[in-house]
Amino acid sequence: MDYNKWKIYETKQIREIIRRVAPTAKTILYGSQARNEARSDSDIDLLILLDGEKMTLKDEESITLPLYELELKTGVSISPIVTLKKLWENRPFPPPFYINVTNEGVVL
């Protein structure tokens, strides 16, 4: 399977996992994959935004553990950051990470 087909397969698998465990979550791909600058050894950077007032460790693990299983299956490193939508969207001032994701991120 060539690299571009692999990326499409991987993205589809990620979307399916997140929809299964957190159907209302917003998932944003950022970093080299989003900028189309990825190499075969690049990781997949994800920001996963959850609805709700608070997030528990169980909420986070329900997303990160299946992604880790996909990482083991494919050999491609997946780097998820899981947070609440309200914390992400309601910032008094945007830090550089927020600006980066906002500028280059691709919603999956």
PDB file of N, CA and C in Angstrom:
ATOM      1  N   MET A   1       0.863  -1.179   0.000  1.00  0.00           N
ATOM      2  CA  MET A   1       0.000   0.000   0.000  1.00  0.00           C
ATOM      3  C   MET A   1       0.902   1.233   0.000  1.00  0.00           C
ATOM      4  N   ASP A   2       0.681   2.163  -0.930  1.00  0.00           N
ATOM      5  CA  ASP A   2       1.525   3.354  -0.954  1.00  0.00           C
ATOM      6  C   ASP A   2       1.159   4.290   0.199  1.00  0.00           C
ATOM      7  N   TYR A   3       2.054   5.240   0.451  1.00  0.00           N
ATOM      8  CA  TYR A   3       1.923   6.096   1.631  1.00  0.00           C
ATOM      9  C   TYR A   3       0.632   6.899   1.631  1.00  0.00           C
ATOM     10  N   ASN A   4       0.221   7.465   0.494  1.00  0.00           N
ATOM     11  CA  ASN A   4      -1.014   8.261   0.451  1.00  0.00           C
ATOM     12  C   ASN A   4      -2.240   7.411   0.742  1.00  0.00           C
ATOM     13  N   LYS A   5      -2.296   6.204   0.192  1.00  0.00           N
ATOM     14  CA  LYS A   5      -3.412   5.304   0.499  1.00  0.00           C
ATOM     15  C   LYS A   5      -3.401   4.936   1.974  1.00  0.00           C
ATOM     16  N   TRP A   6      -2.197   4.751   2.521  1.00  0.00           N
ATOM     17  CA  TRP A   6      -2.068   4.423   3.937  1.00  0.00           C
ATOM     18  C   TRP A   6      -2.609   5.560   4.805  1.00  0.00           C
ATOM     19  N   LYS A   7      -2.287   6.802   4.445  1.00  0.00           N
ATOM     20  CA  LYS A   7      -2.781   7.955   5.204  1.00  0.00           C
ATOM     21  C   LYS A   7      -4.302   7.996   5.192  1.00  0.00           C
ATOM     22  N   ILE A   8      -4.909   7.722   4.050  1.00  0.00           N
ATOM     23  CA  ILE A   8      -6.371   7.722   3.955  1.00  0.00           C
ATOM     24  C   ILE A   8      -6.948   6.631   4.847  1.00  0.00           C
ATOM     25  N   TYR A   9      -6.358   5.439   4.812  1.00  0.00           N
ATOM     26  CA  TYR A   9      -6.806   4.325   5.658  1.00  0.00           C
ATOM     27  C   TYR A   9      -6.705   4.702   7.129  1.00  0.00           C
ATOM     28  N   GLU A  10      -5.564   5.255   7.505  1.00  0.00           N
ATOM     29  CA  GLU A  10      -5.306   5.628   8.898  1.00  0.00           C
ATOM     30  C   GLU A  10      -6.310   6.682   9.372  1.00  0.00           C
ATOM     31  N   THR A  11      -6.554   7.698   8.570  1.00  0.00           N
ATOM     32  CA  THR A  11      -7.505   8.750   8.924  1.00  0.00           C
ATOM     33  C   THR A  11      -8.900   8.180   9.104  1.00  0.00           C
ATOM     34  N   LYS A  12      -9.294   7.285   8.232  1.00  0.00           N
ATOM     35  CA  LYS A  12     -10.612   6.653   8.339  1.00  0.00           C
ATOM     36  C   LYS A  12     -10.719   5.855   9.639  1.00  0.00           C
ATOM     37  N   GLN A  13      -9.681   5.115   9.976  1.00  0.00           N
ATOM     38  CA  GLN A  13      -9.686   4.327  11.210  1.00  0.00           C
ATOM     39  C   GLN A  13      -9.790   5.236  12.440  1.00  0.00           C
ATOM     40  N   ILE A  14      -9.064   6.341  12.427  1.00  0.00           N
ATOM     41  CA  ILE A  14      -9.105   7.286  13.548  1.00  0.00           C
ATOM     42  C   ILE A  14     -10.510   7.859  13.701  1.00  0.00           C
ATOM     43  N   ARG A  15     -11.104   8.290  12.602  1.00  0.00           N
ATOM     44  CA  ARG A  15     -12.473   8.840  12.659  1.00  0.00           C
ATOM     45  C   ARG A  15     -13.445   7.818  13.224  1.00  0.00           C
ATOM     46  N   GLU A  16     -13.343   6.575  12.777  1.00  0.00           N
ATOM     47  CA  GLU A  16     -14.255   5.533  13.249  1.00  0.00           C
ATOM     48  C   GLU A  16     -14.099   5.286  14.743  1.00  0.00           C
ATOM     49  N   ILE A  17     -12.868   5.246  15.223  1.00  0.00           N
ATOM     50  CA  ILE A  17     -12.626   5.029  16.655  1.00  0.00           C
ATOM     51  C   ILE A  17     -13.239   6.159  17.466  1.00  0.00           C
ATOM     52  N   ILE A  18     -12.978   7.387  17.081  1.00  0.00           N
ATOM     53  CA  ILE A  18     -13.462   8.524  17.864  1.00  0.00           C
ATOM     54  C   ILE A  18     -14.980   8.623  17.795  1.00  0.00           C
ATOM     55  N   ARG A  19     -15.564   8.396  16.638  1.00  0.00           N
ATOM     56  CA  ARG A  19     -17.034   8.425  16.532  1.00  0.00           C
ATOM     57  C   ARG A  19     -17.677   7.349  17.393  1.00  0.00           C
ATOM     58  N   ARG A  20     -17.020   6.200  17.500  1.00  0.00           N
ATOM     59  CA  ARG A  20     -17.564   5.108  18.299  1.00  0.00           C
ATOM     60  C   ARG A  20     -17.552   5.442  19.795  1.00  0.00           C
ATOM     61  N   VAL A  21     -16.470   6.028  20.286  1.00  0.00           N
ATOM     62  CA  VAL A  21     -16.345   6.265  21.727  1.00  0.00           C
ATOM     63  C   VAL A  21     -16.783   7.662  22.157  1.00  0.00           C
ATOM     64  N   ALA A  22     -16.749   8.635  21.250  1.00  0.00           N
ATOM     65  CA  ALA A  22     -17.142  10.013  21.577  1.00  0.00           C
ATOM     66  C   ALA A  22     -17.803  10.630  20.350  1.00  0.00           C
ATOM     67  N   PRO A  23     -19.065  10.253  20.084  1.00  0.00           N
ATOM     68  CA  PRO A  23     -19.716  10.652  18.827  1.00  0.00           C
ATOM     69  C   PRO A  23     -19.832  12.157  18.603  1.00  0.00           C
ATOM     70  N   THR A  24     -19.862  12.953  19.662  1.00  0.00           N
ATOM     71  CA  THR A  24     -20.006  14.402  19.486  1.00  0.00           C
ATOM     72  C   THR A  24     -18.670  15.142  19.519  1.00  0.00           C
ATOM     73  N   ALA A  25     -17.586  14.416  19.657  1.00  0.00           N
ATOM     74  CA  ALA A  25     -16.268  15.051  19.730  1.00  0.00           C
ATOM     75  C   ALA A  25     -15.896  15.679  18.393  1.00  0.00           C
ATOM     76  N   LYS A  26     -15.145  16.758  18.484  1.00  0.00           N
ATOM     77  CA  LYS A  26     -14.572  17.395  17.295  1.00  0.00           C
ATOM     78  C   LYS A  26     -13.098  17.004  17.260  1.00  0.00           C
ATOM     79  N   THR A  27     -12.658  16.447  16.149  1.00  0.00           N
ATOM     80  CA  THR A  27     -11.274  15.989  16.026  1.00  0.00           C
ATOM     81  C   THR A  27     -10.559  16.832  14.982  1.00  0.00           C
ATOM     82  N   ILE A  28      -9.417  17.383  15.384  1.00  0.00           N
ATOM     83  CA  ILE A  28      -8.635  18.243  14.501  1.00  0.00           C
ATOM     84  C   ILE A  28      -7.251  17.626  14.308  1.00  0.00           C
ATOM     85  N   LEU A  29      -6.899  17.405  13.061  1.00  0.00           N
ATOM     86  CA  LEU A  29      -5.564  16.953  12.691  1.00  0.00           C
ATOM     87  C   LEU A  29      -4.700  18.199  12.527  1.00  0.00           C
ATOM     88  N   TYR A  30      -3.528  18.210  13.140  1.00  0.00           N
ATOM     89  CA  TYR A  30      -2.627  19.352  12.990  1.00  0.00           C
ATOM     90  C   TYR A  30      -1.200  18.831  12.828  1.00  0.00           C
ATOM     91  N   GLY A  31      -0.266  19.719  12.648  1.00  0.00           N
ATOM     92  CA  GLY A  31       1.125  19.308  12.487  1.00  0.00           C
ATOM     93  C   GLY A  31       1.447  18.976  11.038  1.00  0.00           C
ATOM     94  N   SER A  32       2.510  18.204  10.860  1.00  0.00           N
ATOM     95  CA  SER A  32       3.008  17.923   9.505  1.00  0.00           C
ATOM     96  C   SER A  32       1.979  17.204   8.639  1.00  0.00           C
ATOM     97  N   GLN A  33       1.160  16.342   9.242  1.00  0.00           N
ATOM     98  CA  GLN A  33       0.134  15.648   8.455  1.00  0.00           C
ATOM     99  C   GLN A  33      -0.873  16.650   7.885  1.00  0.00           C
ATOM    100  N   ALA A  34      -1.289  17.618   8.691  1.00  0.00           N
ATOM    101  CA  ALA A  34      -2.266  18.616   8.243  1.00  0.00           C
ATOM    102  C   ALA A  34      -1.673  19.556   7.193  1.00  0.00           C
ATOM    103  N   ARG A  35      -0.378  19.807   7.307  1.00  0.00           N
ATOM    104  CA  ARG A  35       0.293  20.705   6.356  1.00  0.00           C
ATOM    105  C   ARG A  35       0.749  19.986   5.087  1.00  0.00           C
ATOM    106  N   ASN A  36       0.474  18.693   4.987  1.00  0.00           N
ATOM    107  CA  ASN A  36       0.946  17.867   3.863  1.00  0.00           C
ATOM    108  C   ASN A  36       2.465  17.888   3.737  1.00  0.00           C
ATOM    109  N   GLU A  37       3.127  17.909   4.882  1.00  0.00           N
ATOM    110  CA  GLU A  37       4.586  17.868   4.919  1.00  0.00           C
ATOM    111  C   GLU A  37       5.086  16.597   5.595  1.00  0.00           C
ATOM    112  N   ALA A  38       4.193  15.655   5.842  1.00  0.00           N
ATOM    113  CA  ALA A  38       4.550  14.449   6.585  1.00  0.00           C
ATOM    114  C   ALA A  38       5.444  13.532   5.768  1.00  0.00           C
ATOM    115  N   ARG A  39       6.317  12.861   6.495  1.00  0.00           N
ATOM    116  CA  ARG A  39       7.146  11.809   5.909  1.00  0.00           C
ATOM    117  C   ARG A  39       6.613  10.473   6.426  1.00  0.00           C
ATOM    118  N   SER A  40       7.176   9.404   5.958  1.00  0.00           N
ATOM    119  CA  SER A  40       6.700   8.084   6.379  1.00  0.00           C
ATOM    120  C   SER A  40       6.920   7.841   7.869  1.00  0.00           C
ATOM    121  N   ASP A  41       7.845   8.578   8.501  1.00  0.00           N
ATOM    122  CA  ASP A  41       8.088   8.401   9.935  1.00  0.00           C
ATOM    123  C   ASP A  41       7.403   9.476  10.789  1.00  0.00           C
ATOM    124  N   SER A  42       6.565  10.302  10.194  1.00  0.00           N
ATOM    125  CA  SER A  42       5.867  11.357  10.937  1.00  0.00           C
ATOM    126  C   SER A  42       4.753  10.769  11.796  1.00  0.00           C
ATOM    127  N   ASP A  43       4.514  11.412  12.932  1.00  0.00           N
ATOM    128  CA  ASP A  43       3.398  10.985  13.771  1.00  0.00           C
ATOM    129  C   ASP A  43       2.124  11.680  13.319  1.00  0.00           C
ATOM    130  N   ILE A  44       1.016  11.288  13.927  1.00  0.00           N
ATOM    131  CA  ILE A  44      -0.282  11.892  13.641  1.00  0.00           C
ATOM    132  C   ILE A  44      -0.682  12.683  14.880  1.00  0.00           C
ATOM    133  N   ASP A  45      -0.725  14.005  14.757  1.00  0.00           N
ATOM    134  CA  ASP A  45      -1.086  14.884  15.868  1.00  0.00           C
ATOM    135  C   ASP A  45      -2.577  15.168  15.824  1.00  0.00           C
ATOM    136  N   LEU A  46      -3.255  14.887  16.931  1.00  0.00           N
ATOM    137  CA  LEU A  46      -4.701  15.083  17.003  1.00  0.00           C
ATOM    138  C   LEU A  46      -5.069  15.922  18.213  1.00  0.00           C
ATOM    139  N   LEU A  47      -5.996  16.836  18.014  1.00  0.00           N
ATOM    140  CA  LEU A  47      -6.647  17.541  19.112  1.00  0.00           C
ATOM    141  C   LEU A  47      -8.086  17.059  19.110  1.00  0.00           C
ATOM    142  N   ILE A  48      -8.522  16.495  20.226  1.00  0.00           N
ATOM    143  CA  ILE A  48      -9.868  15.941  20.327  1.00  0.00           C
ATOM    144  C   ILE A  48     -10.620  16.749  21.374  1.00  0.00           C
ATOM    145  N   LEU A  49     -11.689  17.414  20.932  1.00  0.00           N
ATOM    146  CA  LEU A  49     -12.462  18.312  21.787  1.00  0.00           C
ATOM    147  C   LEU A  49     -13.773  17.646  22.174  1.00  0.00           C
ATOM    148  N   LEU A  50     -13.979  17.502  23.482  1.00  0.00           N
ATOM    149  CA  LEU A  50     -15.169  16.841  24.005  1.00  0.00           C
ATOM    150  C   LEU A  50     -16.189  17.850  24.504  1.00  0.00           C
ATOM    151  N   ASP A  51     -17.467  17.510  24.363  1.00  0.00           N
ATOM    152  CA  ASP A  51     -18.538  18.296  24.966  1.00  0.00           C
ATOM    153  C   ASP A  51     -18.556  18.022  26.461  1.00  0.00           C
ATOM    154  N   GLY A  52     -19.242  18.874  27.195  1.00  0.00           N
ATOM    155  CA  GLY A  52     -19.430  18.622  28.617  1.00  0.00           C
ATOM    156  C   GLY A  52     -18.794  19.674  29.491  1.00  0.00           C
ATOM    157  N   GLU A  53     -19.078  19.547  30.764  1.00  0.00           N
ATOM    158  CA  GLU A  53     -18.585  20.502  31.756  1.00  0.00           C
ATOM    159  C   GLU A  53     -17.262  20.075  32.370  1.00  0.00           C
ATOM    160  N   LYS A  54     -17.040  18.764  32.440  1.00  0.00           N
ATOM    161  CA  LYS A  54     -15.766  18.283  32.973  1.00  0.00           C
ATOM    162  C   LYS A  54     -15.392  16.985  32.277  1.00  0.00           C
ATOM    163  N   MET A  55     -14.116  16.669  32.359  1.00  0.00           N
ATOM    164  CA  MET A  55     -13.600  15.468  31.720  1.00  0.00           C
ATOM    165  C   MET A  55     -12.892  14.641  32.784  1.00  0.00           C
ATOM    166  N   THR A  56     -13.150  13.360  32.758  1.00  0.00           N
ATOM    167  CA  THR A  56     -12.500  12.459  33.700  1.00  0.00           C
ATOM    168  C   THR A  56     -11.380  11.694  32.994  1.00  0.00           C
ATOM    169  N   LEU A  57     -10.563  11.046  33.789  1.00  0.00           N
ATOM    170  CA  LEU A  57      -9.516  10.195  33.234  1.00  0.00           C
ATOM    171  C   LEU A  57     -10.143   9.078  32.401  1.00  0.00           C
ATOM    172  N   LYS A  58     -11.282   8.575  32.849  1.00  0.00           N
ATOM    173  CA  LYS A  58     -11.989   7.522  32.106  1.00  0.00           C
ATOM    174  C   LYS A  58     -12.414   8.031  30.725  1.00  0.00           C
ATOM    175  N   ASP A  59     -12.896   9.277  30.661  1.00  0.00           N
ATOM    176  CA  ASP A  59     -13.269   9.877  29.371  1.00  0.00           C
ATOM    177  C   ASP A  59     -12.062   9.918  28.431  1.00  0.00           C
ATOM    178  N   GLU A  60     -10.950  10.381  28.969  1.00  0.00           N
ATOM    179  CA  GLU A  60      -9.739  10.496  28.157  1.00  0.00           C
ATOM    180  C   GLU A  60      -9.245   9.119  27.697  1.00  0.00           C
ATOM    181  N   GLU A  61      -9.231   8.162  28.615  1.00  0.00           N
ATOM    182  CA  GLU A  61      -8.747   6.821  28.276  1.00  0.00           C
ATOM    183  C   GLU A  61      -9.655   6.109  27.276  1.00  0.00           C
ATOM    184  N   SER A  62     -10.953   6.427  27.296  1.00  0.00           N
ATOM    185  CA  SER A  62     -11.868   5.782  26.344  1.00  0.00           C
ATOM    186  C   SER A  62     -11.518   6.154  24.904  1.00  0.00           C
ATOM    187  N   ILE A  63     -10.808   7.262  24.745  1.00  0.00           N
ATOM    188  CA  ILE A  63     -10.359   7.697  23.417  1.00  0.00           C
ATOM    189  C   ILE A  63      -8.913   7.286  23.161  1.00  0.00           C
ATOM    190  N   THR A  64      -8.041   7.537  24.123  1.00  0.00           N
ATOM    191  CA  THR A  64      -6.617   7.306  23.879  1.00  0.00           C
ATOM    192  C   THR A  64      -6.245   5.827  23.786  1.00  0.00           C
ATOM    193  N   LEU A  65      -6.902   4.972  24.557  1.00  0.00           N
ATOM    194  CA  LEU A  65      -6.539   3.550  24.515  1.00  0.00           C
ATOM    195  C   LEU A  65      -6.837   2.903  23.158  1.00  0.00           C
ATOM    196  N   PRO A  66      -8.027   3.115  22.555  1.00  0.00           N
ATOM    197  CA  PRO A  66      -8.239   2.555  21.215  1.00  0.00           C
ATOM    198  C   PRO A  66      -7.289   3.150  20.165  1.00  0.00           C
ATOM    199  N   LEU A  67      -6.930   4.417  20.326  1.00  0.00           N
ATOM    200  CA  LEU A  67      -5.961   5.011  19.394  1.00  0.00           C
ATOM    201  C   LEU A  67      -4.583   4.375  19.576  1.00  0.00           C
ATOM    202  N   TYR A  68      -4.246   4.056  20.819  1.00  0.00           N
ATOM    203  CA  TYR A  68      -2.975   3.385  21.094  1.00  0.00           C
ATOM    204  C   TYR A  68      -2.969   1.989  20.464  1.00  0.00           C
ATOM    205  N   GLU A  69      -4.107   1.294  20.540  1.00  0.00           N
ATOM    206  CA  GLU A  69      -4.207  -0.024  19.900  1.00  0.00           C
ATOM    207  C   GLU A  69      -4.005   0.090  18.387  1.00  0.00           C
ATOM    208  N   LEU A  70      -4.564   1.142  17.783  1.00  0.00           N
ATOM    209  CA  LEU A  70      -4.356   1.379  16.349  1.00  0.00           C
ATOM    210  C   LEU A  70      -2.881   1.662  16.069  1.00  0.00           C
ATOM    211  N   GLU A  71      -2.260   2.416  16.951  1.00  0.00           N
ATOM    212  CA  GLU A  71      -0.833   2.716  16.811  1.00  0.00           C
ATOM    213  C   GLU A  71      -0.013   1.423  16.822  1.00  0.00           C
ATOM    214  N   LEU A  72      -0.324   0.523  17.745  1.00  0.00           N
ATOM    215  CA  LEU A  72       0.394  -0.751  17.809  1.00  0.00           C
ATOM    216  C   LEU A  72       0.153  -1.591  16.555  1.00  0.00           C
ATOM    217  N   LYS A  73      -1.068  -1.555  16.062  1.00  0.00           N
ATOM    218  CA  LYS A  73      -1.438  -2.341  14.875  1.00  0.00           C
ATOM    219  C   LYS A  73      -0.734  -1.835  13.617  1.00  0.00           C
ATOM    220  N   THR A  74      -0.632  -0.521  13.486  1.00  0.00           N
ATOM    221  CA  THR A  74      -0.109   0.071  12.251  1.00  0.00           C
ATOM    222  C   THR A  74       1.363   0.461  12.318  1.00  0.00           C
ATOM    223  N   GLY A  75       1.881   0.670  13.525  1.00  0.00           N
ATOM    224  CA  GLY A  75       3.252   1.133  13.667  1.00  0.00           C
ATOM    225  C   GLY A  75       3.413   2.624  13.448  1.00  0.00           C
ATOM    226  N   VAL A  76       2.300   3.337  13.307  1.00  0.00           N
ATOM    227  CA  VAL A  76       2.331   4.788  13.118  1.00  0.00           C
ATOM    228  C   VAL A  76       2.003   5.455  14.448  1.00  0.00           C
ATOM    229  N   SER A  77       2.869   6.340  14.903  1.00  0.00           N
ATOM    230  CA  SER A  77       2.671   7.020  16.179  1.00  0.00           C
ATOM    231  C   SER A  77       1.501   7.999  16.100  1.00  0.00           C
ATOM    232  N   ILE A  78       0.588   7.893  17.066  1.00  0.00           N
ATOM    233  CA  ILE A  78      -0.564   8.789  17.151  1.00  0.00           C
ATOM    234  C   ILE A  78      -0.437   9.569  18.452  1.00  0.00           C
ATOM    235  N   SER A  79      -0.471  10.891  18.355  1.00  0.00           N
ATOM    236  CA  SER A  79      -0.286  11.761  19.516  1.00  0.00           C
ATOM    237  C   SER A  79      -1.555  12.566  19.768  1.00  0.00           C
ATOM    238  N   PRO A  80      -2.485  12.007  20.566  1.00  0.00           N
ATOM    239  CA  PRO A  80      -3.734  12.728  20.821  1.00  0.00           C
ATOM    240  C   PRO A  80      -3.635  13.650  22.037  1.00  0.00           C
ATOM    241  N   ILE A  81      -4.265  14.798  21.920  1.00  0.00           N
ATOM    242  CA  ILE A  81      -4.500  15.685  23.061  1.00  0.00           C
ATOM    243  C   ILE A  81      -6.007  15.774  23.196  1.00  0.00           C
ATOM    244  N   VAL A  82      -6.512  15.421  24.378  1.00  0.00           N
ATOM    245  CA  VAL A  82      -7.949  15.418  24.619  1.00  0.00           C
ATOM    246  C   VAL A  82      -8.262  16.510  25.632  1.00  0.00           C
ATOM    247  N   THR A  83      -9.216  17.376  25.297  1.00  0.00           N
ATOM    248  CA  THR A  83      -9.632  18.440  26.206  1.00  0.00           C
ATOM    249  C   THR A  83     -11.101  18.763  25.948  1.00  0.00           C
ATOM    250  N   LEU A  84     -11.638  19.646  26.747  1.00  0.00           N
ATOM    251  CA  LEU A  84     -13.032  20.060  26.581  1.00  0.00           C
ATOM    252  C   LEU A  84     -13.140  21.184  25.555  1.00  0.00           C
ATOM    253  N   LYS A  85     -14.208  21.139  24.742  1.00  0.00           N
ATOM    254  CA  LYS A  85     -14.452  22.201  23.757  1.00  0.00           C
ATOM    255  C   LYS A  85     -14.511  23.562  24.434  1.00  0.00           C
ATOM    256  N   LYS A  86     -15.221  23.633  25.561  1.00  0.00           N
ATOM    257  CA  LYS A  86     -15.400  24.938  26.206  1.00  0.00           C
ATOM    258  C   LYS A  86     -14.074  25.514  26.693  1.00  0.00           C
ATOM    259  N   LEU A  87     -13.140  24.672  27.116  1.00  0.00           N
ATOM    260  CA  LEU A  87     -11.830  25.171  27.533  1.00  0.00           C
ATOM    261  C   LEU A  87     -11.012  25.631  26.331  1.00  0.00           C
ATOM    262  N   TRP A  88     -11.152  24.924  25.230  1.00  0.00           N
ATOM    263  CA  TRP A  88     -10.413  25.268  24.014  1.00  0.00           C
ATOM    264  C   TRP A  88     -10.932  26.559  23.392  1.00  0.00           C
ATOM    265  N   GLU A  89     -12.256  26.708  23.354  1.00  0.00           N
ATOM    266  CA  GLU A  89     -12.861  27.827  22.634  1.00  0.00           C
ATOM    267  C   GLU A  89     -12.983  29.105  23.457  1.00  0.00           C
ATOM    268  N   ASN A  90     -12.925  29.017  24.765  1.00  0.00           N
ATOM    269  CA  ASN A  90     -13.124  30.190  25.624  1.00  0.00           C
ATOM    270  C   ASN A  90     -11.834  30.583  26.335  1.00  0.00           C
ATOM    271  N   ARG A  91     -10.873  31.039  25.579  1.00  0.00           N
ATOM    272  CA  ARG A  91      -9.586  31.459  26.135  1.00  0.00           C
ATOM    273  C   ARG A  91      -9.517  32.986  26.167  1.00  0.00           C
ATOM    274  N   PRO A  92      -9.039  33.548  27.270  1.00  0.00           N
ATOM    275  CA  PRO A  92      -8.918  35.010  27.316  1.00  0.00           C
ATOM    276  C   PRO A  92      -7.866  35.530  26.336  1.00  0.00           C
ATOM    277  N   PHE A  93      -6.835  34.740  26.096  1.00  0.00           N
ATOM    278  CA  PHE A  93      -5.830  35.075  25.088  1.00  0.00           C
ATOM    279  C   PHE A  93      -5.293  33.757  24.526  1.00  0.00           C
ATOM    280  N   PRO A  94      -5.070  33.706  23.230  1.00  0.00           N
ATOM    281  CA  PRO A  94      -4.659  32.440  22.614  1.00  0.00           C
ATOM    282  C   PRO A  94      -3.151  32.180  22.727  1.00  0.00           C
ATOM    283  N   PRO A  95      -2.768  31.028  23.294  1.00  0.00           N
ATOM    284  CA  PRO A  95      -1.345  30.667  23.316  1.00  0.00           C
ATOM    285  C   PRO A  95      -0.889  30.221  21.922  1.00  0.00           C
ATOM    286  N   PRO A  96       0.414  30.138  21.693  1.00  0.00           N
ATOM    287  CA  PRO A  96       0.922  29.753  20.369  1.00  0.00           C
ATOM    288  C   PRO A  96       0.359  28.420  19.854  1.00  0.00           C
ATOM    289  N   PHE A  97       0.187  27.440  20.730  1.00  0.00           N
ATOM    290  CA  PHE A  97      -0.366  26.153  20.298  1.00  0.00           C
ATOM    291  C   PHE A  97      -1.762  26.342  19.716  1.00  0.00           C
ATOM    292  N   TYR A  98      -2.585  27.132  20.363  1.00  0.00           N
ATOM    293  CA  TYR A  98      -3.946  27.407  19.885  1.00  0.00           C
ATOM    294  C   TYR A  98      -3.898  28.055  18.497  1.00  0.00           C
ATOM    295  N   ILE A  99      -3.030  29.017  18.335  1.00  0.00           N
ATOM    296  CA  ILE A  99      -2.897  29.718  17.051  1.00  0.00           C
ATOM    297  C   ILE A  99      -2.451  28.743  15.960  1.00  0.00           C
ATOM    298  N   ASN A 100      -1.481  27.890  16.290  1.00  0.00           N
ATOM    299  CA  ASN A 100      -1.010  26.878  15.335  1.00  0.00           C
ATOM    300  C   ASN A 100      -2.134  25.968  14.870  1.00  0.00           C
ATOM    301  N   VAL A 101      -2.864  25.398  15.815  1.00  0.00           N
ATOM    302  CA  VAL A 101      -3.938  24.460  15.475  1.00  0.00           C
ATOM    303  C   VAL A 101      -5.036  25.176  14.702  1.00  0.00           C
ATOM    304  N   THR A 102      -5.359  26.395  15.100  1.00  0.00           N
ATOM    305  CA  THR A 102      -6.393  27.164  14.413  1.00  0.00           C
ATOM    306  C   THR A 102      -5.991  27.459  12.970  1.00  0.00           C
ATOM    307  N   ASN A 103      -4.727  27.783  12.756  1.00  0.00           N
ATOM    308  CA  ASN A 103      -4.256  28.136  11.413  1.00  0.00           C
ATOM    309  C   ASN A 103      -4.064  26.936  10.492  1.00  0.00           C
ATOM    310  N   GLU A 104      -3.567  25.839  11.028  1.00  0.00           N
ATOM    311  CA  GLU A 104      -3.208  24.719  10.152  1.00  0.00           C
ATOM    312  C   GLU A 104      -4.095  23.497  10.308  1.00  0.00           C
ATOM    313  N   GLY A 105      -4.936  23.473  11.332  1.00  0.00           N
ATOM    314  CA  GLY A 105      -5.715  22.277  11.633  1.00  0.00           C
ATOM    315  C   GLY A 105      -6.744  21.929  10.574  1.00  0.00           C
ATOM    316  N   VAL A 106      -6.978  20.623  10.452  1.00  0.00           N
ATOM    317  CA  VAL A 106      -7.970  20.087   9.527  1.00  0.00           C
ATOM    318  C   VAL A 106      -8.953  19.260  10.351  1.00  0.00           C
ATOM    319  N   VAL A 107     -10.223  19.630  10.309  1.00  0.00           N
ATOM    320  CA  VAL A 107     -11.237  18.881  11.052  1.00  0.00           C
ATOM    321  C   VAL A 107     -11.482  17.561  10.338  1.00  0.00           C
ATOM    322  N   LEU A 108     -11.400  16.477  11.104  1.00  0.00           N
ATOM    323  CA  LEU A 108     -11.644  15.147  10.519  1.00  0.00           C
ATOM    324  C   LEU A 108     -13.116  14.799  10.574  1.00  0.00           C
TER     325      LEU A 108
END
